[in-house]
Amino acid sequence: KAEKGENGWATYLDSYEGWKNATGTGVETVTYEFDRMTARTNSSNGSAGSHSIYEGSGMNYLWFGSGKPYFAVKDITLPEGKVNFTVSFGTERYLYEAEDNTFNWDEFKVYVSLDGNKWVRPSFQFAGGALPDGRWDLASATFTVPSGTSSLYVYFASSLPSGYAIDDIRLVQADAAGTALDFANGEE
């Protein structure tokens, strides 16, 4: 459990490993890249607490801090011959003392890449339907990658300092095709 110290959260991801809990067949090669990120928890159990619309795992979550924070999961090994996937994550927008904490896709962006060079933004939907307002909800996108794709990268970025958190990141095989991702025309 991440714990707050005398001077605030000292659980920066580069010096605290309590946030790492990767499981599954694609994690053997996974690496992470991040900036201005901390692991946190709260008394209401975060994504599993009373402020959650979905049944989250609770305990630690990742907080996007000041400046231009980001978190990337790199080199996720994909099963051979599979092209349909769903990426999901729990998230909350909570800016202290804000009157409106409605999640905003212009402030919080999620990208997917084959190699870390060209990135595309899949279209995500929330399990609860509407954009959550100061509550945790599960966002997901189902997509199809080009045949022969062997790994994926997922990148999360917040342009709102100290306002977003994520938990329960998952990449799973999808039962059906989703939006075809065009990496050739992706952003660098």
C-alpha atoms as a PDB file:
ATOM      1  CA  LYS A   1       0.000   0.000   0.000  1.00  0.00           C
ATOM      2  CA  ALA A   2       1.340   3.424  -0.950  1.00  0.00           C
ATOM      3  CA  GLU A   3       1.650   5.649   2.092  1.00  0.00           C
ATOM      4  CA  LYS A   4       1.815   9.395   2.418  1.00  0.00           C
ATOM      5  CA  GLY A   5       4.910  10.694   4.174  1.00  0.00           C
ATOM      6  CA  GLU A   6       5.547  13.847   6.179  1.00  0.00           C
ATOM      7  CA  ASN A   7       6.166  15.852   3.004  1.00  0.00           C
ATOM      8  CA  GLY A   8       3.411  14.346   0.845  1.00  0.00           C
ATOM      9  CA  TRP A   9       3.515  11.369  -1.502  1.00  0.00           C
ATOM     10  CA  ALA A  10       7.047   9.979  -1.753  1.00  0.00           C
ATOM     11  CA  THR A  11       5.905   7.082  -3.927  1.00  0.00           C
ATOM     12  CA  TYR A  12       7.298   8.294  -7.248  1.00  0.00           C
ATOM     13  CA  LEU A  13       7.306   5.418  -9.714  1.00  0.00           C
ATOM     14  CA  ASP A  14      11.074   5.523 -10.200  1.00  0.00           C
ATOM     15  CA  SER A  15      11.737   4.944  -6.489  1.00  0.00           C
ATOM     16  CA  TYR A  16       8.721   2.904  -5.338  1.00  0.00           C
ATOM     17  CA  GLU A  17       7.754  -0.434  -6.919  1.00  0.00           C
ATOM     18  CA  GLY A  18       4.500  -1.165  -5.056  1.00  0.00           C
ATOM     19  CA  TRP A  19       2.522  -0.252  -8.183  1.00  0.00           C
ATOM     20  CA  LYS A  20       3.951  -3.073 -10.316  1.00  0.00           C
ATOM     21  CA  ASN A  21       1.694  -6.114 -10.547  1.00  0.00           C
ATOM     22  CA  ALA A  22       1.812  -7.162 -14.201  1.00  0.00           C
ATOM     23  CA  THR A  23       0.321 -10.563 -15.015  1.00  0.00           C
ATOM     24  CA  GLY A  24      -0.406 -12.517 -18.168  1.00  0.00           C
ATOM     25  CA  THR A  25       1.428 -14.038 -21.084  1.00  0.00           C
ATOM     26  CA  GLY A  26       2.499 -10.756 -22.688  1.00  0.00           C
ATOM     27  CA  VAL A  27       4.368  -9.254 -19.738  1.00  0.00           C
ATOM     28  CA  GLU A  28       7.740 -10.995 -20.027  1.00  0.00           C
ATOM     29  CA  THR A  29       9.138  -8.180 -22.193  1.00  0.00           C
ATOM     30  CA  VAL A  30       7.164  -5.238 -20.757  1.00  0.00           C
ATOM     31  CA  THR A  31       9.013  -2.099 -19.736  1.00  0.00           C
ATOM     32  CA  TYR A  32       7.639   1.189 -18.463  1.00  0.00           C
ATOM     33  CA  GLU A  33       8.393   4.825 -19.137  1.00  0.00           C
ATOM     34  CA  PHE A  34       6.911   7.668 -17.115  1.00  0.00           C
ATOM     35  CA  ASP A  35       7.375  11.188 -15.856  1.00  0.00           C
ATOM     36  CA  ARG A  36       5.827  12.978 -12.865  1.00  0.00           C
ATOM     37  CA  MET A  37       3.872   9.920 -11.737  1.00  0.00           C
ATOM     38  CA  THR A  38       3.214   8.635  -8.233  1.00  0.00           C
ATOM     39  CA  ALA A  39       1.479   5.593  -6.801  1.00  0.00           C
ATOM     40  CA  ARG A  40      -1.239   6.556  -4.347  1.00  0.00           C
ATOM     41  CA  THR A  41      -4.067   5.095  -2.343  1.00  0.00           C
ATOM     42  CA  ASN A  42      -6.854   6.567  -0.272  1.00  0.00           C
ATOM     43  CA  SER A  43      -9.072   5.641   2.637  1.00  0.00           C
ATOM     44  CA  SER A  44     -12.028   4.835   0.374  1.00  0.00           C
ATOM     45  CA  ASN A  45      -9.955   2.261  -1.611  1.00  0.00           C
ATOM     46  CA  GLY A  46      -9.656   4.256  -4.846  1.00  0.00           C
ATOM     47  CA  SER A  47     -11.102   2.364  -7.802  1.00  0.00           C
ATOM     48  CA  ALA A  48     -12.838  -0.147  -5.493  1.00  0.00           C
ATOM     49  CA  GLY A  49     -14.366   2.430  -3.176  1.00  0.00           C
ATOM     50  CA  SER A  50     -17.600   4.310  -2.815  1.00  0.00           C
ATOM     51  CA  HIS A  51     -16.564   6.779  -5.555  1.00  0.00           C
ATOM     52  CA  SER A  52     -16.280   4.048  -8.184  1.00  0.00           C
ATOM     53  CA  ILE A  53     -18.842   3.150 -10.833  1.00  0.00           C
ATOM     54  CA  TYR A  54     -16.998  -0.080 -11.706  1.00  0.00           C
ATOM     55  CA  GLU A  55     -15.611  -2.824  -9.476  1.00  0.00           C
ATOM     56  CA  GLY A  56     -11.973  -1.790  -9.446  1.00  0.00           C
ATOM     57  CA  SER A  57      -9.053  -3.488  -7.752  1.00  0.00           C
ATOM     58  CA  GLY A  58      -8.635  -0.725  -5.173  1.00  0.00           C
ATOM     59  CA  MET A  59      -5.434  -0.214  -3.201  1.00  0.00           C
ATOM     60  CA  ASN A  60      -2.772   1.598  -5.277  1.00  0.00           C
ATOM     61  CA  TYR A  61      -3.488   3.652  -8.374  1.00  0.00           C
ATOM     62  CA  LEU A  62      -1.293   5.845 -10.589  1.00  0.00           C
ATOM     63  CA  TRP A  63      -1.568   9.616 -10.199  1.00  0.00           C
ATOM     64  CA  PHE A  64      -0.614  12.056 -12.969  1.00  0.00           C
ATOM     65  CA  GLY A  65       1.231  14.881 -11.187  1.00  0.00           C
ATOM     66  CA  SER A  66       2.390  18.362 -12.130  1.00  0.00           C
ATOM     67  CA  GLY A  67       3.702  19.536 -15.477  1.00  0.00           C
ATOM     68  CA  LYS A  68       3.088  17.130 -18.372  1.00  0.00           C
ATOM     69  CA  PRO A  69       2.869  13.717 -16.729  1.00  0.00           C
ATOM     70  CA  TYR A  70       2.711  10.531 -18.776  1.00  0.00           C
ATOM     71  CA  PHE A  71       2.829   6.765 -18.329  1.00  0.00           C
ATOM     72  CA  ALA A  72       3.731   4.241 -21.044  1.00  0.00           C
ATOM     73  CA  VAL A  73       3.551   0.455 -21.053  1.00  0.00           C
ATOM     74  CA  LYS A  74       6.044  -0.675 -23.690  1.00  0.00           C
ATOM     75  CA  ASP A  75       6.783  -3.902 -25.548  1.00  0.00           C
ATOM     76  CA  ILE A  76       3.670  -5.890 -24.624  1.00  0.00           C
ATOM     77  CA  THR A  77       4.159  -9.227 -26.410  1.00  0.00           C
ATOM     78  CA  LEU A  78       1.096 -10.208 -28.450  1.00  0.00           C
ATOM     79  CA  PRO A  79      -0.001 -13.804 -29.070  1.00  0.00           C
ATOM     80  CA  GLU A  80       1.088 -14.987 -32.492  1.00  0.00           C
ATOM     81  CA  GLY A  81      -1.593 -14.670 -35.169  1.00  0.00           C
ATOM     82  CA  LYS A  82      -3.992 -12.590 -33.033  1.00  0.00           C
ATOM     83  CA  VAL A  83      -5.121  -9.163 -34.252  1.00  0.00           C
ATOM     84  CA  ASN A  84      -8.223  -8.193 -32.200  1.00  0.00           C
ATOM     85  CA  PHE A  85      -7.674  -6.639 -28.780  1.00  0.00           C
ATOM     86  CA  THR A  86      -9.363  -4.573 -26.097  1.00  0.00           C
ATOM     87  CA  VAL A  87      -7.430  -2.173 -23.917  1.00  0.00           C
ATOM     88  CA  SER A  88      -9.159  -1.002 -20.750  1.00  0.00           C
ATOM     89  CA  PHE A  89      -8.316   1.023 -17.669  1.00  0.00           C
ATOM     90  CA  GLY A  90     -10.064   2.535 -14.705  1.00  0.00           C
ATOM     91  CA  THR A  91      -9.817   6.290 -14.428  1.00  0.00           C
ATOM     92  CA  GLU A  92     -10.972   9.265 -12.444  1.00  0.00           C
ATOM     93  CA  ARG A  93     -10.744  13.027 -12.947  1.00  0.00           C
ATOM     94  CA  TYR A  94     -10.458  14.703  -9.580  1.00  0.00           C
ATOM     95  CA  LEU A  95      -9.156  18.226  -9.408  1.00  0.00           C
ATOM     96  CA  TYR A  96      -9.266  19.326  -5.775  1.00  0.00           C
ATOM     97  CA  GLU A  97     -12.126  21.759  -5.046  1.00  0.00           C
ATOM     98  CA  ALA A  98     -13.252  21.877  -8.695  1.00  0.00           C
ATOM     99  CA  GLU A  99     -17.002  22.335  -9.185  1.00  0.00           C
ATOM    100  CA  ASP A 100     -16.939  20.158 -12.301  1.00  0.00           C
ATOM    101  CA  ASN A 101     -14.780  17.021 -12.472  1.00  0.00           C
ATOM    102  CA  THR A 102     -16.264  15.594 -15.657  1.00  0.00           C
ATOM    103  CA  PHE A 103     -13.730  13.434 -17.499  1.00  0.00           C
ATOM    104  CA  ASN A 104     -12.370  15.198 -20.604  1.00  0.00           C
ATOM    105  CA  TRP A 105     -10.746  13.290 -23.504  1.00  0.00           C
ATOM    106  CA  ASP A 106      -9.054  16.530 -24.630  1.00  0.00           C
ATOM    107  CA  GLU A 107      -7.180  16.659 -21.303  1.00  0.00           C
ATOM    108  CA  PHE A 108      -6.469  12.943 -21.000  1.00  0.00           C
ATOM    109  CA  LYS A 109      -5.198  11.133 -24.081  1.00  0.00           C
ATOM    110  CA  VAL A 110      -4.479   7.468 -24.685  1.00  0.00           C
ATOM    111  CA  TYR A 111      -2.392   6.279 -27.621  1.00  0.00           C
ATOM    112  CA  VAL A 112      -1.433   2.867 -28.999  1.00  0.00           C
ATOM    113  CA  SER A 113       1.675   2.100 -31.079  1.00  0.00           C
ATOM    114  CA  LEU A 114       3.341  -0.877 -32.735  1.00  0.00           C
ATOM    115  CA  ASP A 115       6.872   0.327 -32.079  1.00  0.00           C
ATOM    116  CA  GLY A 116       6.834   3.529 -30.047  1.00  0.00           C
ATOM    117  CA  ASN A 117       7.278   5.711 -33.155  1.00  0.00           C
ATOM    118  CA  LYS A 118       3.816   6.202 -34.706  1.00  0.00           C
ATOM    119  CA  TRP A 119       0.850   6.549 -32.344  1.00  0.00           C
ATOM    120  CA  VAL A 120      -2.912   6.387 -32.880  1.00  0.00           C
ATOM    121  CA  ARG A 121      -5.780   7.266 -30.530  1.00  0.00           C
ATOM    122  CA  PRO A 122      -8.435   4.562 -30.303  1.00  0.00           C
ATOM    123  CA  SER A 123     -11.952   5.674 -29.438  1.00  0.00           C
ATOM    124  CA  PHE A 124     -12.774   4.763 -25.837  1.00  0.00           C
ATOM    125  CA  GLN A 125     -16.159   4.290 -24.192  1.00  0.00           C
ATOM    126  CA  PHE A 126     -16.996   4.238 -20.510  1.00  0.00           C
ATOM    127  CA  ALA A 127     -18.747   1.211 -19.031  1.00  0.00           C
ATOM    128  CA  GLY A 128     -21.233   3.520 -17.284  1.00  0.00           C
ATOM    129  CA  GLY A 129     -22.121   5.155 -20.623  1.00  0.00           C
ATOM    130  CA  ALA A 130     -21.661   8.842 -19.781  1.00  0.00           C
ATOM    131  CA  LEU A 131     -18.440  10.658 -18.971  1.00  0.00           C
ATOM    132  CA  PRO A 132     -17.897  10.177 -15.224  1.00  0.00           C
ATOM    133  CA  ASP A 133     -17.939  13.259 -12.998  1.00  0.00           C
ATOM    134  CA  GLY A 134     -15.402  12.870 -10.177  1.00  0.00           C
ATOM    135  CA  ARG A 135     -15.942   9.108 -10.009  1.00  0.00           C
ATOM    136  CA  TRP A 136     -13.922   6.106 -11.117  1.00  0.00           C
ATOM    137  CA  ASP A 137     -15.188   4.314 -14.230  1.00  0.00           C
ATOM    138  CA  LEU A 138     -13.785   1.752 -16.664  1.00  0.00           C
ATOM    139  CA  ALA A 139     -12.862   2.980 -20.155  1.00  0.00           C
ATOM    140  CA  SER A 140     -12.250   0.515 -22.992  1.00  0.00           C
ATOM    141  CA  ALA A 141     -11.557   0.396 -26.723  1.00  0.00           C
ATOM    142  CA  THR A 142     -11.617  -2.625 -29.026  1.00  0.00           C
ATOM    143  CA  PHE A 143      -9.382  -2.460 -32.083  1.00  0.00           C
ATOM    144  CA  THR A 144      -7.717  -4.543 -34.777  1.00  0.00           C
ATOM    145  CA  VAL A 145      -3.986  -4.334 -35.497  1.00  0.00           C
ATOM    146  CA  PRO A 146      -2.276  -5.294 -38.772  1.00  0.00           C
ATOM    147  CA  SER A 147      -1.546  -8.982 -39.284  1.00  0.00           C
ATOM    148  CA  GLY A 148       1.932  -9.919 -38.063  1.00  0.00           C
ATOM    149  CA  THR A 149       1.971  -7.378 -35.217  1.00  0.00           C
ATOM    150  CA  SER A 150       4.118  -8.844 -32.444  1.00  0.00           C
ATOM    151  CA  SER A 151       3.979  -6.162 -29.747  1.00  0.00           C
ATOM    152  CA  LEU A 152       2.083  -3.073 -28.627  1.00  0.00           C
ATOM    153  CA  TYR A 153       2.776   0.067 -26.640  1.00  0.00           C
ATOM    154  CA  VAL A 154       0.109   1.981 -24.701  1.00  0.00           C
ATOM    155  CA  TYR A 155       0.708   5.610 -23.709  1.00  0.00           C
ATOM    156  CA  PHE A 156      -1.359   7.708 -21.271  1.00  0.00           C
ATOM    157  CA  ALA A 157      -0.855  11.494 -21.010  1.00  0.00           C
ATOM    158  CA  SER A 158      -2.566  14.233 -19.041  1.00  0.00           C
ATOM    159  CA  SER A 159      -2.433  17.904 -20.003  1.00  0.00           C
ATOM    160  CA  LEU A 160      -4.225  18.780 -16.745  1.00  0.00           C
ATOM    161  CA  PRO A 161      -1.657  18.729 -13.931  1.00  0.00           C
ATOM    162  CA  SER A 162      -2.693  16.821 -10.802  1.00  0.00           C
ATOM    163  CA  GLY A 163      -6.173  15.947 -11.987  1.00  0.00           C
ATOM    164  CA  TYR A 164      -6.219  12.371 -13.328  1.00  0.00           C
ATOM    165  CA  ALA A 165      -5.595   8.878 -12.003  1.00  0.00           C
ATOM    166  CA  ILE A 166      -5.621   5.404 -13.606  1.00  0.00           C
ATOM    167  CA  ASP A 167      -5.854   1.848 -12.326  1.00  0.00           C
ATOM    168  CA  ASP A 168      -6.458  -1.665 -13.658  1.00  0.00           C
ATOM    169  CA  ILE A 169      -4.773  -1.330 -17.069  1.00  0.00           C
ATOM    170  CA  ARG A 170      -5.497  -4.423 -19.169  1.00  0.00           C
ATOM    171  CA  LEU A 171      -4.864  -5.578 -22.721  1.00  0.00           C
ATOM    172  CA  VAL A 172      -6.826  -8.708 -23.672  1.00  0.00           C
ATOM    173  CA  GLN A 173      -7.728 -10.564 -26.833  1.00  0.00           C
ATOM    174  CA  ALA A 174     -11.107  -9.468 -28.188  1.00  0.00           C
ATOM    175  CA  ASP A 175     -13.732 -11.909 -29.459  1.00  0.00           C
ATOM    176  CA  ALA A 176     -14.463  -9.815 -32.555  1.00  0.00           C
ATOM    177  CA  ALA A 177     -12.778  -7.212 -34.739  1.00  0.00           C
ATOM    178  CA  GLY A 178     -12.763  -3.613 -33.599  1.00  0.00           C
ATOM    179  CA  THR A 179     -11.685  -0.366 -35.199  1.00  0.00           C
ATOM    180  CA  ALA A 180      -8.788  -1.008 -37.594  1.00  0.00           C
ATOM    181  CA  LEU A 181      -5.823   1.044 -36.397  1.00  0.00           C
ATOM    182  CA  ASP A 182      -3.851   2.809 -39.144  1.00  0.00           C
ATOM    183  CA  PHE A 183      -0.370   3.146 -37.687  1.00  0.00           C
ATOM    184  CA  ALA A 184       1.151   4.323 -40.987  1.00  0.00           C
ATOM    185  CA  ASN A 185      -0.739   7.620 -40.574  1.00  0.00           C
ATOM    186  CA  GLY A 186      -0.207   7.872 -36.812  1.00  0.00           C
ATOM    187  CA  GLU A 187       1.287  10.782 -34.906  1.00  0.00           C
ATOM    188  CA  GLU A 188       5.006  10.827 -34.159  1.00  0.00           C
END
